[in-house]
């Protein structure tokens, strides 16, 4: 076999890590990016369990989209996380997208409220990983979420949330080494049209979207489907590790 033939076959081989028959657990999987990722992972053959803060919404999502299961858990409650994961025998891909929009200036907001930015993200992730332990596949993956604030914080009460987002990216890099060969990555979405996006912007949503449509290189905000696809990419690409995947339509450039 010639060198050119070997090289050509290397380029056309499919990725070894597909989702057929794999078990996926998604915290924050009942709406927005998490739900989009759940739907796409299920379509690719995975057995998907979604975990959300609201039991009714979690059950509805699982039934509507034919998912394997659902759980309800407050991610700021470590016992609730352990309980939600207790009866799942094996997980190939753990996706941790839960988190609210915690906004408040440090001289004004309650400390316990601001602390939620870290509790919902970093400590919830630590508890979920510890809860699964050896049940998390060695050839699988963990995906965190950060956000554009990690790169570009603003003066409107988002400093703590920006710090929590940046912490997730640093945590992923460290755990990619500590938990190897399990792959650990972070999804960093920009302006994505989700329920959280609308809730965070409130009555000013339309004005913000209009401004982004003017300034973003693509002249639109992103969709949950696009960000969900990026999440699935992090699950399935076996050479993505310790990385932050920005899906922001070029927002970091303007």
Protein backbone atom coordinates (compact mmCIF):
# COMPACT_ATOMS: atom_id res chain seq x y z
CA UNK A 1 0.00 0.00 0.00
CA UNK A 2 1.43 3.36 -1.02
CA UNK A 3 1.98 6.29 1.31
CA UNK A 4 -0.64 8.31 -0.57
CA UNK A 5 -3.22 5.53 -0.12
CA UNK A 6 -2.59 5.36 3.64
CA UNK A 7 -2.86 9.12 3.93
CA UNK A 8 -6.06 9.23 1.92
CA UNK A 9 -7.71 6.48 4.00
CA UNK A 10 -6.82 8.34 7.19
CA UNK A 11 -8.78 11.34 5.97
CA UNK A 12 -11.91 9.42 5.05
CA UNK A 13 -12.22 7.24 8.16
CA UNK A 14 -15.26 8.16 10.29
CA UNK A 15 -14.77 9.46 13.81
CA UNK A 16 -14.62 6.50 16.21
CA UNK A 17 -16.79 8.10 18.88
CA UNK A 18 -20.35 8.18 17.65
CA UNK A 19 -23.35 8.32 19.96
CA UNK A 20 -25.09 5.11 18.91
CA UNK A 21 -25.72 3.13 22.08
CA UNK A 22 -24.02 5.71 24.30
CA UNK A 23 -25.49 7.08 27.53
CA UNK A 24 -25.71 10.86 27.83
CA UNK A 25 -26.75 12.83 30.91
CA UNK A 26 -27.48 16.54 30.51
CA UNK A 27 -27.93 18.88 33.46
CA UNK A 28 -29.92 21.86 32.22
CA UNK A 29 -31.33 19.63 29.50
CA UNK A 30 -34.96 20.65 29.70
CA UNK A 31 -34.79 23.89 27.71
CA UNK A 32 -32.56 25.99 25.49
CA UNK A 33 -29.13 24.70 24.52
CA UNK A 34 -29.37 21.65 26.77
CA UNK A 35 -32.66 20.50 25.28
CA UNK A 36 -31.37 21.07 21.75
CA UNK A 37 -28.30 18.97 22.55
CA UNK A 38 -30.50 16.26 24.06
CA UNK A 39 -32.69 16.08 20.95
CA UNK A 40 -29.69 15.89 18.63
CA UNK A 41 -27.86 13.31 20.76
CA UNK A 42 -31.00 11.15 20.83
CA UNK A 43 -31.33 11.46 17.06
CA UNK A 44 -27.73 10.24 16.78
CA UNK A 45 -28.58 7.08 18.70
CA UNK A 46 -27.77 8.01 22.30
CA UNK A 47 -29.79 7.14 25.37
CA UNK A 48 -30.36 10.58 26.89
CA UNK A 49 -31.43 11.53 30.40
CA UNK A 50 -32.17 15.19 31.11
CA UNK A 51 -31.98 16.82 34.53
CA UNK A 52 -33.70 20.12 35.27
CA UNK A 53 -34.82 22.18 38.22
CA UNK A 54 -38.53 21.67 37.49
CA UNK A 55 -39.92 18.13 37.59
CA UNK A 56 -42.95 18.85 35.41
CA UNK A 57 -40.86 20.50 32.70
CA UNK A 58 -38.27 17.69 32.82
CA UNK A 59 -40.91 14.99 32.47
CA UNK A 60 -42.61 16.87 29.65
CA UNK A 61 -39.34 17.22 27.72
CA UNK A 62 -38.55 13.53 28.10
CA UNK A 63 -42.01 12.46 26.96
CA UNK A 64 -42.28 14.93 24.09
CA UNK A 65 -38.91 14.07 22.57
CA UNK A 66 -38.73 10.38 23.44
CA UNK A 67 -35.77 10.68 25.78
CA UNK A 68 -34.66 7.77 27.94
CA UNK A 69 -35.29 9.47 31.25
CA UNK A 70 -35.54 12.60 33.34
CA UNK A 71 -34.71 13.79 36.83
CA UNK A 72 -35.39 16.95 38.81
CA UNK A 73 -32.64 18.46 40.96
CA UNK A 74 -31.63 21.78 42.44
CA UNK A 75 -27.98 21.95 41.39
CA UNK A 76 -27.13 24.09 44.43
CA UNK A 77 -28.10 21.11 46.61
CA UNK A 78 -25.36 18.49 46.57
CA UNK A 79 -27.64 15.78 47.98
CA UNK A 80 -30.13 16.39 45.17
CA UNK A 81 -27.35 15.89 42.62
CA UNK A 82 -26.24 12.62 44.21
CA UNK A 83 -29.84 11.40 44.36
CA UNK A 84 -30.50 12.31 40.72
CA UNK A 85 -27.50 10.28 39.57
CA UNK A 86 -27.74 7.41 42.05
CA UNK A 87 -29.58 4.89 39.86
CA UNK A 88 -27.83 5.60 36.55
CA UNK A 89 -25.43 2.66 36.12
CA UNK A 90 -23.11 4.13 33.49
CA UNK A 91 -22.55 7.49 31.76
CA UNK A 92 -20.52 8.01 28.60
CA UNK A 93 -21.04 11.75 28.23
CA UNK A 94 -21.84 14.15 31.09
CA UNK A 95 -23.02 17.60 30.04
CA UNK A 96 -23.34 20.34 32.67
CA UNK A 97 -25.20 23.35 31.31
CA UNK A 98 -27.35 24.32 34.30
CA UNK A 99 -27.15 27.85 35.65
CA UNK A 100 -29.20 31.00 36.00
CA UNK A 101 -28.26 34.53 35.03
CA UNK A 102 -26.84 35.84 38.30
CA UNK A 103 -26.48 39.60 37.98
CA UNK A 104 -25.82 42.10 40.73
CA UNK A 105 -23.14 44.61 41.64
CA UNK A 106 -20.88 43.46 44.45
CA UNK A 107 -21.51 46.54 46.59
CA UNK A 108 -25.29 46.12 46.37
CA UNK A 109 -26.36 42.51 45.86
CA UNK A 110 -26.71 39.89 48.58
CA UNK A 111 -23.60 37.73 48.87
CA UNK A 112 -25.66 34.53 49.03
CA UNK A 113 -27.29 35.45 45.73
CA UNK A 114 -23.97 36.20 44.02
CA UNK A 115 -22.54 32.95 45.35
CA UNK A 116 -25.09 31.06 43.25
CA UNK A 117 -23.05 31.83 40.13
CA UNK A 118 -20.35 29.50 41.46
CA UNK A 119 -22.67 27.07 43.22
CA UNK A 120 -24.71 26.42 40.06
CA UNK A 121 -21.68 26.01 37.86
CA UNK A 122 -18.42 25.02 39.47
CA UNK A 123 -19.55 23.27 42.64
CA UNK A 124 -22.51 21.58 40.95
CA UNK A 125 -20.08 20.20 38.38
CA UNK A 126 -17.69 18.97 41.05
CA UNK A 127 -20.52 17.21 42.90
CA UNK A 128 -21.87 15.61 39.71
CA UNK A 129 -18.45 14.24 38.75
CA UNK A 130 -17.84 12.94 42.27
CA UNK A 131 -21.32 11.40 42.40
CA UNK A 132 -20.67 9.41 39.22
CA UNK A 133 -17.12 8.42 40.06
CA UNK A 134 -16.13 5.21 38.25
CA UNK A 135 -19.52 5.12 36.48
CA UNK A 136 -18.23 7.80 34.11
CA UNK A 137 -16.71 6.13 31.06
CA UNK A 138 -12.96 6.49 30.62
CA UNK A 139 -13.43 7.00 26.88
CA UNK A 140 -16.24 9.49 27.40
CA UNK A 141 -16.43 13.21 27.98
CA UNK A 142 -17.53 16.01 30.29
CA UNK A 143 -18.79 19.29 28.88
CA UNK A 144 -19.10 22.47 30.94
CA UNK A 145 -20.62 25.81 30.00
CA UNK A 146 -19.10 29.26 30.42
CA UNK A 147 -20.18 32.17 28.23
CA UNK A 148 -19.00 35.29 26.46
CA UNK A 149 -18.74 37.15 29.78
CA UNK A 150 -15.64 35.08 30.54
CA UNK A 151 -13.87 36.98 27.76
CA UNK A 152 -15.73 40.27 27.86
CA UNK A 153 -17.23 41.21 31.24
CA UNK A 154 -19.21 44.42 31.55
CA UNK A 155 -20.00 47.00 34.21
CA UNK A 156 -23.66 46.02 34.62
CA UNK A 157 -23.45 43.69 37.60
CA UNK A 158 -21.99 40.68 35.82
CA UNK A 159 -18.51 40.59 37.35
CA UNK A 160 -19.19 37.56 39.56
CA UNK A 161 -20.94 35.67 36.76
CA UNK A 162 -18.01 36.48 34.47
CA UNK A 163 -15.63 35.11 37.10
CA UNK A 164 -17.70 31.93 37.46
CA UNK A 165 -17.74 31.49 33.68
CA UNK A 166 -13.98 31.91 33.42
CA UNK A 167 -13.57 29.48 36.31
CA UNK A 168 -15.36 26.77 34.34
CA UNK A 169 -12.88 27.11 31.50
CA UNK A 170 -9.95 26.83 33.91
CA UNK A 171 -11.59 23.88 35.67
CA UNK A 172 -11.98 22.06 32.35
CA UNK A 173 -8.31 22.52 31.52
CA UNK A 174 -7.24 21.22 34.90
CA UNK A 175 -9.61 18.26 34.90
CA UNK A 176 -8.57 17.29 31.36
CA UNK A 177 -5.25 16.42 33.02
CA UNK A 178 -6.56 15.18 36.36
CA UNK A 179 -9.27 12.91 34.94
CA UNK A 180 -7.43 11.76 31.79
CA UNK A 181 -8.25 9.95 29.58
CA UNK A 182 -11.76 11.35 30.12
CA UNK A 183 -12.03 14.41 27.89
CA UNK A 184 -13.17 17.67 29.49
CA UNK A 185 -14.20 20.74 27.48
CA UNK A 186 -16.20 23.93 27.83
CA UNK A 187 -18.87 25.40 25.58
CA UNK A 188 -18.81 29.21 25.54
CA UNK A 189 -21.98 30.58 23.94
CA UNK A 190 -22.48 34.18 22.94
CA UNK A 191 -25.88 35.71 22.18
CA UNK A 192 -28.03 32.60 21.69
CA UNK A 193 -31.82 32.87 21.53
CA UNK A 194 -32.95 30.76 24.49
CA UNK A 195 -35.43 31.17 27.37
CA UNK A 196 -32.54 32.15 29.67
CA UNK A 197 -31.41 34.75 27.15
CA UNK A 198 -34.88 36.32 27.07
CA UNK A 199 -35.28 36.19 30.84
CA UNK A 200 -31.90 37.79 31.43
CA UNK A 201 -32.59 40.69 29.09
CA UNK A 202 -36.17 41.22 30.23
CA UNK A 203 -38.06 44.07 28.65
CA UNK A 204 -34.91 45.27 26.90
CA UNK A 205 -34.56 42.05 24.92
CA UNK A 206 -35.72 43.42 21.56
CA UNK A 207 -33.45 46.44 21.79
CA UNK A 208 -30.45 44.28 22.64
CA UNK A 209 -31.19 41.86 19.80
CA UNK A 210 -31.52 44.76 17.37
CA UNK A 211 -28.17 46.14 18.49
CA UNK A 212 -26.50 42.74 18.09
CA UNK A 213 -28.01 42.33 14.64
CA UNK A 214 -26.32 45.57 13.69
CA UNK A 215 -22.92 44.81 15.24
CA UNK A 216 -22.39 41.06 14.85
CA UNK A 217 -20.60 39.92 11.68
CA UNK A 218 -23.49 37.55 10.90
CA UNK A 219 -26.13 40.20 11.71
CA UNK A 220 -28.19 37.85 13.85
CA UNK A 221 -28.14 36.06 17.18
CA UNK A 222 -27.55 32.32 17.35
CA UNK A 223 -30.04 29.54 17.86
CA UNK A 224 -30.25 26.84 20.51
CA UNK A 225 -30.01 24.28 17.71
CA UNK A 226 -26.63 25.68 16.63
CA UNK A 227 -25.29 25.72 20.17
CA UNK A 228 -26.71 22.25 20.78
CA UNK A 229 -24.81 20.98 17.74
CA UNK A 230 -21.61 22.44 19.18
CA UNK A 231 -22.29 20.53 22.41
CA UNK A 232 -22.72 17.28 20.49
CA UNK A 233 -19.48 18.02 18.63
CA UNK A 234 -17.63 18.21 21.95
CA UNK A 235 -19.07 14.83 22.90
CA UNK A 236 -18.15 13.09 19.68
CA UNK A 237 -14.83 14.55 18.54
CA UNK A 238 -12.27 12.41 20.34
CA UNK A 239 -9.40 14.89 19.96
CA UNK A 240 -11.20 17.81 21.61
CA UNK A 241 -9.81 18.03 25.13
CA UNK A 242 -9.14 20.84 27.59
CA UNK A 243 -10.61 23.27 25.07
CA UNK A 244 -13.10 26.11 25.09
CA UNK A 245 -15.39 26.14 22.08
CA UNK A 246 -16.73 29.62 21.37
CA UNK A 247 -20.04 29.72 19.55
CA UNK A 248 -20.83 33.41 19.39
CA UNK A 249 -21.17 34.40 15.74
CA UNK A 250 -17.96 36.40 15.99
CA UNK A 251 -19.11 38.49 18.96
CA UNK A 252 -15.61 38.41 20.48
CA UNK A 253 -14.32 40.26 17.41
CA UNK A 254 -16.53 43.34 17.63
